[in-house]
Amino acid sequence: MRPDYDISWQQADAPEASVSVSGEATGMSHLVVPGEIDTSHGLILYLENICVSFDGFRALNDLSLSIKTDELRCIIGPNGAGKTTMMDVITGKTRPDSGRAFLGQTLDLTRLDEPAIAQAGVGRKFQKPTVFEHHSVWENLELACAGDKRWFRALWAVLTPTIKRRVEEVLALTHLEHQAHVRAGQLSHGQKQRLEIGMLLMQQPQLLLLDEPAAGMTDEETAQLAELLNRLRGHCSMMVVEHDMAFVAALAGEAGLVTVMAEGRVLAEGTLDAVQRDERVIESYLGR
């Protein structure tokens, strides 16, 4: 079920593009918009046999996984399991030695650089929040809005009704309405984390990658973040790397898929209850 807030601007402001028809040997065909993510088969991300080595150490070892459109997937595993390297591959920061990585069916991530992947609709949040601390919350969101960021364009930038509406909706979504005109540097750690997620939402991502977003948060802040991510279900796909098992439980629920990584590959995958009872997971990560 979709949440009750409106972020229809994510679709309404998309640029027009010509469409072409692609088909398969089965005779099934569908419309493809050039440059956009084709999720007609229900997948937003597809990784197959990804290998990455650093000075002889294999950080990713035949890693394969896929994420469905609008899915929230939690990734857990011990330090050194390859979780961050996997995100580096998805965002173009690291080139794999071998394997395939696709956004939808048509965008080959191994052939795109970081700006192109971000422009295609992949947003990434690192563990430490990065905000413009001397600017207000409102200004942070406005600056993050997708658009022409060249200095001579920004110099003449005007707050359009569409951007104003986007900022207001993201403020409501992140529960930062009352801090709209507060300098970002004055926010708590949890509020900064939510602000940075809001800044990513201003860029209209289709896939959101979050690396240990609950780290350093109080229990109350963690609960607020879980509520925010759960409210985003159905509006963008999410991959959340996390060690806080209570936070993972709040996101995965009883039926959500959890992927366990170890030694650069998928060790187990299933509901949180199932992976917590898996002997391999207990041995390599959870302990007895």
C-alpha atoms as a PDB file:
ATOM      1  CA  MET A   1       0.000   0.000   0.000  1.00  0.00           C
ATOM      2  CA  ARG A   2       1.367   3.417  -0.970  1.00  0.00           C
ATOM      3  CA  PRO A   3       1.721   6.106   1.682  1.00  0.00           C
ATOM      4  CA  ASP A   4      -0.723   9.009   1.841  1.00  0.00           C
ATOM      5  CA  TYR A   5       1.655  11.809   0.831  1.00  0.00           C
ATOM      6  CA  ASP A   6       1.931  13.025  -2.739  1.00  0.00           C
ATOM      7  CA  ILE A   7       5.205  13.007  -4.632  1.00  0.00           C
ATOM      8  CA  SER A   8       3.604  12.962  -8.061  1.00  0.00           C
ATOM      9  CA  TRP A   9       6.181  15.521  -9.211  1.00  0.00           C
ATOM     10  CA  GLN A  10       8.627  12.635  -9.532  1.00  0.00           C
ATOM     11  CA  GLN A  11       6.784  11.503 -12.633  1.00  0.00           C
ATOM     12  CA  ALA A  12       5.194  14.746 -13.788  1.00  0.00           C
ATOM     13  CA  ASP A  13       8.478  16.595 -14.267  1.00  0.00           C
ATOM     14  CA  ALA A  14      10.232  13.841 -16.204  1.00  0.00           C
ATOM     15  CA  PRO A  15      11.477  15.018 -19.618  1.00  0.00           C
ATOM     16  CA  GLU A  16       9.705  13.796 -22.690  1.00  0.00           C
ATOM     17  CA  ALA A  17      11.520  11.266 -24.837  1.00  0.00           C
ATOM     18  CA  SER A  18      10.810   9.217 -27.895  1.00  0.00           C
ATOM     19  CA  VAL A  19       9.994   5.573 -27.393  1.00  0.00           C
ATOM     20  CA  SER A  20      10.965   2.479 -29.277  1.00  0.00           C
ATOM     21  CA  VAL A  21       9.669  -1.044 -29.174  1.00  0.00           C
ATOM     22  CA  SER A  22      11.877  -3.871 -28.026  1.00  0.00           C
ATOM     23  CA  GLY A  23      10.885  -7.493 -28.256  1.00  0.00           C
ATOM     24  CA  GLU A  24      12.106 -10.976 -27.433  1.00  0.00           C
ATOM     25  CA  ALA A  25      11.990 -14.314 -29.160  1.00  0.00           C
ATOM     26  CA  THR A  26       8.832 -15.064 -27.200  1.00  0.00           C
ATOM     27  CA  GLY A  27       7.032 -12.349 -29.111  1.00  0.00           C
ATOM     28  CA  MET A  28       6.510 -10.329 -25.932  1.00  0.00           C
ATOM     29  CA  SER A  29       7.300  -6.668 -26.513  1.00  0.00           C
ATOM     30  CA  HIS A  30       7.235  -3.464 -24.529  1.00  0.00           C
ATOM     31  CA  LEU A  31       7.983   0.225 -24.848  1.00  0.00           C
ATOM     32  CA  VAL A  32      11.457   1.407 -23.942  1.00  0.00           C
ATOM     33  CA  VAL A  33      12.315   5.066 -23.288  1.00  0.00           C
ATOM     34  CA  PRO A  34      15.920   5.712 -24.378  1.00  0.00           C
ATOM     35  CA  GLY A  35      18.144   6.597 -21.417  1.00  0.00           C
ATOM     36  CA  GLU A  36      15.577   5.584 -18.821  1.00  0.00           C
ATOM     37  CA  ILE A  37      15.509   2.497 -16.629  1.00  0.00           C
ATOM     38  CA  ASP A  38      13.544  -0.353 -18.197  1.00  0.00           C
ATOM     39  CA  THR A  39      11.943  -2.296 -15.352  1.00  0.00           C
ATOM     40  CA  SER A  40       9.306  -4.041 -17.443  1.00  0.00           C
ATOM     41  CA  HIS A  41      10.557  -7.414 -16.176  1.00  0.00           C
ATOM     42  CA  GLY A  42      10.189  -6.307 -12.577  1.00  0.00           C
ATOM     43  CA  LEU A  43      13.887  -5.850 -11.697  1.00  0.00           C
ATOM     44  CA  ILE A  44      15.612  -2.561 -10.870  1.00  0.00           C
ATOM     45  CA  LEU A  45      19.064  -4.065 -10.251  1.00  0.00           C
ATOM     46  CA  TYR A  46      20.766  -7.173 -11.592  1.00  0.00           C
ATOM     47  CA  LEU A  47      24.285  -8.265 -10.591  1.00  0.00           C
ATOM     48  CA  GLU A  48      25.762 -11.465 -12.018  1.00  0.00           C
ATOM     49  CA  ASN A  49      29.108 -13.076 -11.124  1.00  0.00           C
ATOM     50  CA  ILE A  50      30.727  -9.795 -10.099  1.00  0.00           C
ATOM     51  CA  CYS A  51      34.407 -10.106  -9.150  1.00  0.00           C
ATOM     52  CA  VAL A  52      36.565  -7.306  -7.760  1.00  0.00           C
ATOM     53  CA  SER A  53      40.152  -7.718  -6.559  1.00  0.00           C
ATOM     54  CA  PHE A  54      42.461  -5.292  -4.773  1.00  0.00           C
ATOM     55  CA  ASP A  55      46.155  -6.233  -4.696  1.00  0.00           C
ATOM     56  CA  GLY A  56      45.341  -9.922  -4.846  1.00  0.00           C
ATOM     57  CA  PHE A  57      42.502  -9.744  -2.305  1.00  0.00           C
ATOM     58  CA  ARG A  58      39.141 -10.652  -3.811  1.00  0.00           C
ATOM     59  CA  ALA A  59      36.629  -8.200  -2.316  1.00  0.00           C
ATOM     60  CA  LEU A  60      33.757  -9.556  -4.417  1.00  0.00           C
ATOM     61  CA  ASN A  61      33.806 -13.202  -5.407  1.00  0.00           C
ATOM     62  CA  ASP A  62      31.221 -14.163  -8.058  1.00  0.00           C
ATOM     63  CA  LEU A  63      28.591 -11.998  -6.403  1.00  0.00           C
ATOM     64  CA  SER A  64      25.101 -12.388  -7.872  1.00  0.00           C
ATOM     65  CA  LEU A  65      21.893 -10.785  -6.661  1.00  0.00           C
ATOM     66  CA  SER A  66      18.861  -8.945  -7.981  1.00  0.00           C
ATOM     67  CA  ILE A  67      16.427  -6.439  -6.510  1.00  0.00           C
ATOM     68  CA  LYS A  68      12.837  -6.020  -7.615  1.00  0.00           C
ATOM     69  CA  THR A  69      11.247  -2.733  -8.544  1.00  0.00           C
ATOM     70  CA  ASP A  70      10.048  -0.838  -5.432  1.00  0.00           C
ATOM     71  CA  GLU A  71      11.649  -3.438  -3.135  1.00  0.00           C
ATOM     72  CA  LEU A  72      13.400  -2.515   0.115  1.00  0.00           C
ATOM     73  CA  ARG A  73      16.263  -4.992   0.494  1.00  0.00           C
ATOM     74  CA  CYS A  74      18.376  -5.181   3.653  1.00  0.00           C
ATOM     75  CA  ILE A  75      21.974  -6.372   3.262  1.00  0.00           C
ATOM     76  CA  ILE A  76      23.776  -7.692   6.336  1.00  0.00           C
ATOM     77  CA  GLY A  77      27.111  -9.403   6.920  1.00  0.00           C
ATOM     78  CA  PRO A  78      30.401  -9.121   8.785  1.00  0.00           C
ATOM     79  CA  ASN A  79      32.942  -6.372   8.176  1.00  0.00           C
ATOM     80  CA  GLY A  80      34.934  -7.165   5.058  1.00  0.00           C
ATOM     81  CA  ALA A  81      32.067  -9.058   3.437  1.00  0.00           C
ATOM     82  CA  GLY A  82      32.153  -6.782   0.379  1.00  0.00           C
ATOM     83  CA  LYS A  83      29.018  -4.747   1.046  1.00  0.00           C
ATOM     84  CA  THR A  84      30.590  -1.334   0.449  1.00  0.00           C
ATOM     85  CA  THR A  85      32.514  -2.591  -2.589  1.00  0.00           C
ATOM     86  CA  MET A  86      29.226  -3.834  -4.035  1.00  0.00           C
ATOM     87  CA  MET A  87      27.765  -0.336  -3.663  1.00  0.00           C
ATOM     88  CA  ASP A  88      30.919   1.095  -5.252  1.00  0.00           C
ATOM     89  CA  VAL A  89      30.328  -1.127  -8.290  1.00  0.00           C
ATOM     90  CA  ILE A  90      26.672  -0.128  -8.545  1.00  0.00           C
ATOM     91  CA  THR A  91      27.529   3.587  -8.442  1.00  0.00           C
ATOM     92  CA  GLY A  92      30.491   3.353 -10.839  1.00  0.00           C
ATOM     93  CA  LYS A  93      33.155   4.172  -8.258  1.00  0.00           C
ATOM     94  CA  THR A  94      34.772   0.752  -8.767  1.00  0.00           C
ATOM     95  CA  ARG A  95      34.967  -1.184 -12.024  1.00  0.00           C
ATOM     96  CA  PRO A  96      34.518  -4.954 -11.644  1.00  0.00           C
ATOM     97  CA  ASP A  97      37.175  -7.283 -12.982  1.00  0.00           C
ATOM     98  CA  SER A  98      34.427  -9.447 -14.443  1.00  0.00           C
ATOM     99  CA  GLY A  99      30.696  -9.973 -14.285  1.00  0.00           C
ATOM    100  CA  ARG A 100      27.617  -8.016 -15.298  1.00  0.00           C
ATOM    101  CA  ALA A 101      25.769  -5.185 -13.556  1.00  0.00           C
ATOM    102  CA  PHE A 102      22.551  -3.753 -14.971  1.00  0.00           C
ATOM    103  CA  LEU A 103      20.125  -1.089 -13.872  1.00  0.00           C
ATOM    104  CA  GLY A 104      16.882  -2.409 -15.240  1.00  0.00           C
ATOM    105  CA  GLN A 105      17.362  -4.347 -18.457  1.00  0.00           C
ATOM    106  CA  THR A 106      19.165  -1.853 -20.611  1.00  0.00           C
ATOM    107  CA  LEU A 107      21.595   0.281 -18.590  1.00  0.00           C
ATOM    108  CA  ASP A 108      24.966  -1.444 -18.245  1.00  0.00           C
ATOM    109  CA  LEU A 109      26.518   0.022 -15.103  1.00  0.00           C
ATOM    110  CA  THR A 110      29.989  -1.196 -16.069  1.00  0.00           C
ATOM    111  CA  ARG A 111      29.938   1.154 -19.058  1.00  0.00           C
ATOM    112  CA  LEU A 112      28.763   4.283 -17.218  1.00  0.00           C
ATOM    113  CA  ASP A 113      30.725   6.683 -15.017  1.00  0.00           C
ATOM    114  CA  GLU A 114      29.563   7.958 -11.612  1.00  0.00           C
ATOM    115  CA  PRO A 115      27.778  11.130 -12.844  1.00  0.00           C
ATOM    116  CA  ALA A 116      25.934   9.184 -15.557  1.00  0.00           C
ATOM    117  CA  ILE A 117      24.773   6.557 -13.058  1.00  0.00           C
ATOM    118  CA  ALA A 118      23.567   9.249 -10.657  1.00  0.00           C
ATOM    119  CA  GLN A 119      21.775  10.983 -13.520  1.00  0.00           C
ATOM    120  CA  ALA A 120      20.141   7.676 -14.480  1.00  0.00           C
ATOM    121  CA  GLY A 121      18.468   7.513 -11.072  1.00  0.00           C
ATOM    122  CA  VAL A 122      20.824   5.961  -8.504  1.00  0.00           C
ATOM    123  CA  GLY A 123      21.248   7.873  -5.247  1.00  0.00           C
ATOM    124  CA  ARG A 124      23.729   6.898  -2.556  1.00  0.00           C
ATOM    125  CA  LYS A 125      23.945   7.859   1.087  1.00  0.00           C
ATOM    126  CA  PHE A 126      27.143   7.173   3.001  1.00  0.00           C
ATOM    127  CA  GLN A 127      27.311   6.456   6.718  1.00  0.00           C
ATOM    128  CA  LYS A 128      28.371   9.985   7.694  1.00  0.00           C
ATOM    129  CA  PRO A 129      25.819  12.649   6.734  1.00  0.00           C
ATOM    130  CA  THR A 130      27.002  15.248   4.219  1.00  0.00           C
ATOM    131  CA  VAL A 131      24.962  18.444   4.295  1.00  0.00           C
ATOM    132  CA  PHE A 132      25.638  22.152   3.780  1.00  0.00           C
ATOM    133  CA  GLU A 133      25.903  23.042   7.461  1.00  0.00           C
ATOM    134  CA  HIS A 134      25.875  26.826   7.026  1.00  0.00           C
ATOM    135  CA  HIS A 135      22.687  26.735   4.957  1.00  0.00           C
ATOM    136  CA  SER A 136      19.162  26.188   6.199  1.00  0.00           C
ATOM    137  CA  VAL A 137      17.347  22.885   5.797  1.00  0.00           C
ATOM    138  CA  TRP A 138      15.168  24.483   3.100  1.00  0.00           C
ATOM    139  CA  GLU A 139      18.234  25.749   1.210  1.00  0.00           C
ATOM    140  CA  ASN A 140      19.867  22.314   1.400  1.00  0.00           C
ATOM    141  CA  LEU A 141      16.850  20.742  -0.252  1.00  0.00           C
ATOM    142  CA  GLU A 142      16.609  23.492  -2.852  1.00  0.00           C
ATOM    143  CA  LEU A 143      20.299  23.167  -3.749  1.00  0.00           C
ATOM    144  CA  ALA A 144      19.920  19.395  -4.092  1.00  0.00           C
ATOM    145  CA  CYS A 145      17.064  19.652  -6.573  1.00  0.00           C
ATOM    146  CA  ALA A 146      17.861  17.988  -9.894  1.00  0.00           C
ATOM    147  CA  GLY A 147      18.639  20.514 -12.576  1.00  0.00           C
ATOM    148  CA  ASP A 148      21.340  22.577 -14.231  1.00  0.00           C
ATOM    149  CA  LYS A 149      23.973  23.276 -11.537  1.00  0.00           C
ATOM    150  CA  ARG A 150      26.425  25.292 -13.647  1.00  0.00           C
ATOM    151  CA  TRP A 151      27.419  28.455 -11.793  1.00  0.00           C
ATOM    152  CA  PHE A 152      26.057  30.873 -14.380  1.00  0.00           C
ATOM    153  CA  ARG A 153      22.694  29.058 -14.277  1.00  0.00           C
ATOM    154  CA  ALA A 154      22.610  28.887 -10.483  1.00  0.00           C
ATOM    155  CA  LEU A 155      23.346  32.631 -10.362  1.00  0.00           C
ATOM    156  CA  TRP A 156      20.012  33.356 -12.031  1.00  0.00           C
ATOM    157  CA  ALA A 157      18.096  30.474 -10.489  1.00  0.00           C
ATOM    158  CA  VAL A 158      14.518  31.189  -9.479  1.00  0.00           C
ATOM    159  CA  LEU A 159      12.479  29.225  -6.958  1.00  0.00           C
ATOM    160  CA  THR A 160       9.769  27.888  -9.244  1.00  0.00           C
ATOM    161  CA  PRO A 161       6.393  26.687  -7.911  1.00  0.00           C
ATOM    162  CA  THR A 162       7.382  23.128  -8.802  1.00  0.00           C
ATOM    163  CA  ILE A 163      10.626  23.258  -6.793  1.00  0.00           C
ATOM    164  CA  LYS A 164       8.816  24.966  -3.895  1.00  0.00           C
ATOM    165  CA  ARG A 165       6.250  22.161  -3.885  1.00  0.00           C
ATOM    166  CA  ARG A 166       8.994  19.521  -3.973  1.00  0.00           C
ATOM    167  CA  VAL A 167      10.761  21.083  -1.000  1.00  0.00           C
ATOM    168  CA  GLU A 168       7.532  21.267   1.011  1.00  0.00           C
ATOM    169  CA  GLU A 169       6.667  17.640   0.273  1.00  0.00           C
ATOM    170  CA  VAL A 170      10.131  16.373   1.199  1.00  0.00           C
ATOM    171  CA  LEU A 171      10.102  18.444   4.402  1.00  0.00           C
ATOM    172  CA  ALA A 172       6.816  16.774   5.359  1.00  0.00           C
ATOM    173  CA  LEU A 173       8.081  13.343   4.400  1.00  0.00           C
ATOM    174  CA  THR A 174      11.252  13.665   6.477  1.00  0.00           C
ATOM    175  CA  HIS A 175       9.433  15.352   9.391  1.00  0.00           C
ATOM    176  CA  LEU A 176      11.666  18.408   9.152  1.00  0.00           C
ATOM    177  CA  GLU A 177       8.924  21.004   8.610  1.00  0.00           C
ATOM    178  CA  HIS A 178       9.655  22.735  11.906  1.00  0.00           C
ATOM    179  CA  GLN A 179      13.395  22.889  11.111  1.00  0.00           C
ATOM    180  CA  ALA A 180      12.947  24.288   7.576  1.00  0.00           C
ATOM    181  CA  HIS A 181      14.722  27.566   8.361  1.00  0.00           C
ATOM    182  CA  VAL A 182      17.211  26.166  10.877  1.00  0.00           C
ATOM    183  CA  ARG A 183      20.850  25.927   9.815  1.00  0.00           C
ATOM    184  CA  ALA A 184      21.719  22.307   9.013  1.00  0.00           C
ATOM    185  CA  GLY A 185      24.719  22.485  11.334  1.00  0.00           C
ATOM    186  CA  GLN A 186      22.351  22.909  14.276  1.00  0.00           C
ATOM    187  CA  LEU A 187      20.448  19.684  13.596  1.00  0.00           C
ATOM    188  CA  SER A 188      20.887  16.503  15.596  1.00  0.00           C
ATOM    189  CA  HIS A 189      22.687  13.572  14.009  1.00  0.00           C
ATOM    190  CA  GLY A 190      19.423  11.818  13.201  1.00  0.00           C
ATOM    191  CA  GLN A 191      17.916  14.960  11.680  1.00  0.00           C
ATOM    192  CA  LYS A 192      21.005  15.403   9.491  1.00  0.00           C
ATOM    193  CA  GLN A 193      20.624  11.819   8.288  1.00  0.00           C
ATOM    194  CA  ARG A 194      16.998  12.453   7.358  1.00  0.00           C
ATOM    195  CA  LEU A 195      17.943  15.729   5.675  1.00  0.00           C
ATOM    196  CA  GLU A 196      20.525  14.004   3.497  1.00  0.00           C
ATOM    197  CA  ILE A 197      17.963  11.384   2.492  1.00  0.00           C
ATOM    198  CA  GLY A 198      15.626  14.263   1.675  1.00  0.00           C
ATOM    199  CA  MET A 199      18.327  15.828  -0.493  1.00  0.00           C
ATOM    200  CA  LEU A 200      18.618  12.565  -2.399  1.00  0.00           C
ATOM    201  CA  LEU A 201      14.833  12.436  -2.792  1.00  0.00           C
ATOM    202  CA  MET A 202      14.933  15.896  -4.382  1.00  0.00           C
ATOM    203  CA  GLN A 203      16.978  14.283  -7.171  1.00  0.00           C
ATOM    204  CA  GLN A 204      14.163  11.795  -7.852  1.00  0.00           C
ATOM    205  CA  PRO A 205      16.117   8.538  -7.514  1.00  0.00           C
ATOM    206  CA  GLN A 206      14.715   5.225  -8.656  1.00  0.00           C
ATOM    207  CA  LEU A 207      17.261   3.234  -6.641  1.00  0.00           C
ATOM    208  CA  LEU A 208      18.440   4.490  -3.254  1.00  0.00           C
ATOM    209  CA  LEU A 209      21.545   2.977  -1.625  1.00  0.00           C
ATOM    210  CA  LEU A 210      22.001   3.558   2.112  1.00  0.00           C
ATOM    211  CA  ASP A 211      25.186   2.499   3.900  1.00  0.00           C
ATOM    212  CA  GLU A 212      24.587   1.977   7.645  1.00  0.00           C
ATOM    213  CA  PRO A 213      22.170   4.914   7.936  1.00  0.00           C
ATOM    214  CA  ALA A 214      21.281   4.117  11.570  1.00  0.00           C
ATOM    215  CA  ALA A 215      24.878   4.230  12.833  1.00  0.00           C
ATOM    216  CA  GLY A 216      25.300   6.575  15.778  1.00  0.00           C
ATOM    217  CA  MET A 217      21.589   7.205  16.226  1.00  0.00           C
ATOM    218  CA  THR A 218      19.555   7.094  19.410  1.00  0.00           C
ATOM    219  CA  ASP A 219      16.726   4.576  19.648  1.00  0.00           C
ATOM    220  CA  GLU A 220      14.195   7.329  18.923  1.00  0.00           C
ATOM    221  CA  GLU A 221      16.114   8.560  15.886  1.00  0.00           C
ATOM    222  CA  THR A 222      16.456   4.997  14.596  1.00  0.00           C
ATOM    223  CA  ALA A 223      12.703   4.490  14.877  1.00  0.00           C
ATOM    224  CA  GLN A 224      12.072   7.758  13.009  1.00  0.00           C
ATOM    225  CA  LEU A 225      14.434   6.690  10.226  1.00  0.00           C
ATOM    226  CA  ALA A 226      12.764   3.289   9.917  1.00  0.00           C
ATOM    227  CA  GLU A 227       9.395   5.032   9.639  1.00  0.00           C
ATOM    228  CA  LEU A 228      10.743   7.284   6.871  1.00  0.00           C
ATOM    229  CA  LEU A 229      12.150   4.396   4.826  1.00  0.00           C
ATOM    230  CA  ASN A 230       8.976   2.384   5.237  1.00  0.00           C
ATOM    231  CA  ARG A 231       6.973   5.374   3.986  1.00  0.00           C
ATOM    232  CA  LEU A 232       9.146   5.425   0.859  1.00  0.00           C
ATOM    233  CA  ARG A 233       8.051   1.929  -0.143  1.00  0.00           C
ATOM    234  CA  GLY A 234       6.461   1.919  -3.562  1.00  0.00           C
ATOM    235  CA  HIS A 235       8.110   5.165  -4.638  1.00  0.00           C
ATOM    236  CA  CYS A 236      11.698   4.016  -5.132  1.00  0.00           C
ATOM    237  CA  SER A 237      13.698   0.839  -4.711  1.00  0.00           C
ATOM    238  CA  MET A 238      16.084   0.748  -1.760  1.00  0.00           C
ATOM    239  CA  MET A 239      19.161  -1.211  -0.709  1.00  0.00           C
ATOM    240  CA  VAL A 240      20.026  -0.753   2.971  1.00  0.00           C
ATOM    241  CA  VAL A 241      23.330  -2.050   4.364  1.00  0.00           C
ATOM    242  CA  GLU A 242      23.051  -2.260   8.146  1.00  0.00           C
ATOM    243  CA  HIS A 243      24.412  -3.976  11.267  1.00  0.00           C
ATOM    244  CA  ASP A 244      21.649  -2.930  13.676  1.00  0.00           C
ATOM    245  CA  MET A 245      19.426  -6.022  13.674  1.00  0.00           C
ATOM    246  CA  ALA A 246      16.525  -4.255  15.385  1.00  0.00           C
ATOM    247  CA  PHE A 247      16.596  -1.663  12.598  1.00  0.00           C
ATOM    248  CA  VAL A 248      16.746  -4.430   9.977  1.00  0.00           C
ATOM    249  CA  ALA A 249      13.752  -6.103  11.617  1.00  0.00           C
ATOM    250  CA  ALA A 250      11.791  -2.833  11.463  1.00  0.00           C
ATOM    251  CA  LEU A 251      12.464  -2.608   7.726  1.00  0.00           C
ATOM    252  CA  ALA A 252      12.230  -6.262   6.682  1.00  0.00           C
ATOM    253  CA  GLY A 253       9.184  -7.204   8.736  1.00  0.00           C
ATOM    254  CA  GLU A 254       8.086 -10.829   8.566  1.00  0.00           C
ATOM    255  CA  ALA A 255       8.165 -11.286   4.800  1.00  0.00           C
ATOM    256  CA  GLY A 256      10.860  -8.963   3.421  1.00  0.00           C
ATOM    257  CA  LEU A 257      13.978 -10.477   1.887  1.00  0.00           C
ATOM    258  CA  VAL A 258      17.292 -10.078   3.714  1.00  0.00           C
ATOM    259  CA  THR A 259      20.570 -10.840   1.933  1.00  0.00           C
ATOM    260  CA  VAL A 260      23.555 -12.016   3.966  1.00  0.00           C
ATOM    261  CA  MET A 261      26.984 -11.435   2.454  1.00  0.00           C
ATOM    262  CA  ALA A 262      30.262 -13.063   3.494  1.00  0.00           C
ATOM    263  CA  GLU A 263      33.633 -13.276   1.764  1.00  0.00           C
ATOM    264  CA  GLY A 264      32.456 -11.260  -1.217  1.00  0.00           C
ATOM    265  CA  ARG A 265      29.410 -13.285  -2.144  1.00  0.00           C
ATOM    266  CA  VAL A 266      25.846 -14.030  -1.075  1.00  0.00           C
ATOM    267  CA  LEU A 267      25.887 -16.483   1.809  1.00  0.00           C
ATOM    268  CA  ALA A 268      22.134 -16.696   2.387  1.00  0.00           C
ATOM    269  CA  GLU A 269      18.933 -14.988   1.403  1.00  0.00           C
ATOM    270  CA  GLY A 270      15.434 -15.141   2.850  1.00  0.00           C
ATOM    271  CA  THR A 271      13.261 -13.646   5.550  1.00  0.00           C
ATOM    272  CA  LEU A 272      15.051 -12.286   8.595  1.00  0.00           C
ATOM    273  CA  ASP A 273      13.804 -15.183  10.699  1.00  0.00           C
ATOM    274  CA  ALA A 274      15.060 -17.706   8.146  1.00  0.00           C
ATOM    275  CA  VAL A 275      18.555 -16.232   7.802  1.00  0.00           C
ATOM    276  CA  GLN A 276      18.913 -15.866  11.569  1.00  0.00           C
ATOM    277  CA  ARG A 277      18.315 -19.608  11.896  1.00  0.00           C
ATOM    278  CA  ASP A 278      20.687 -20.498   9.046  1.00  0.00           C
ATOM    279  CA  GLU A 279      23.720 -22.355  10.471  1.00  0.00           C
ATOM    280  CA  ARG A 280      26.060 -20.759   7.936  1.00  0.00           C
ATOM    281  CA  VAL A 281      24.928 -17.273   8.962  1.00  0.00           C
ATOM    282  CA  ILE A 282      25.234 -18.092  12.651  1.00  0.00           C
ATOM    283  CA  GLU A 283      28.744 -19.412  12.100  1.00  0.00           C
ATOM    284  CA  SER A 284      30.051 -16.531   9.994  1.00  0.00           C
ATOM    285  CA  TYR A 285      28.198 -13.511  11.326  1.00  0.00           C
ATOM    286  CA  LEU A 286      25.664 -13.728  14.129  1.00  0.00           C
ATOM    287  CA  GLY A 287      27.554 -16.038  16.479  1.00  0.00           C
ATOM    288  CA  ARG A 288      26.030 -18.439  18.928  1.00  0.00           C
END
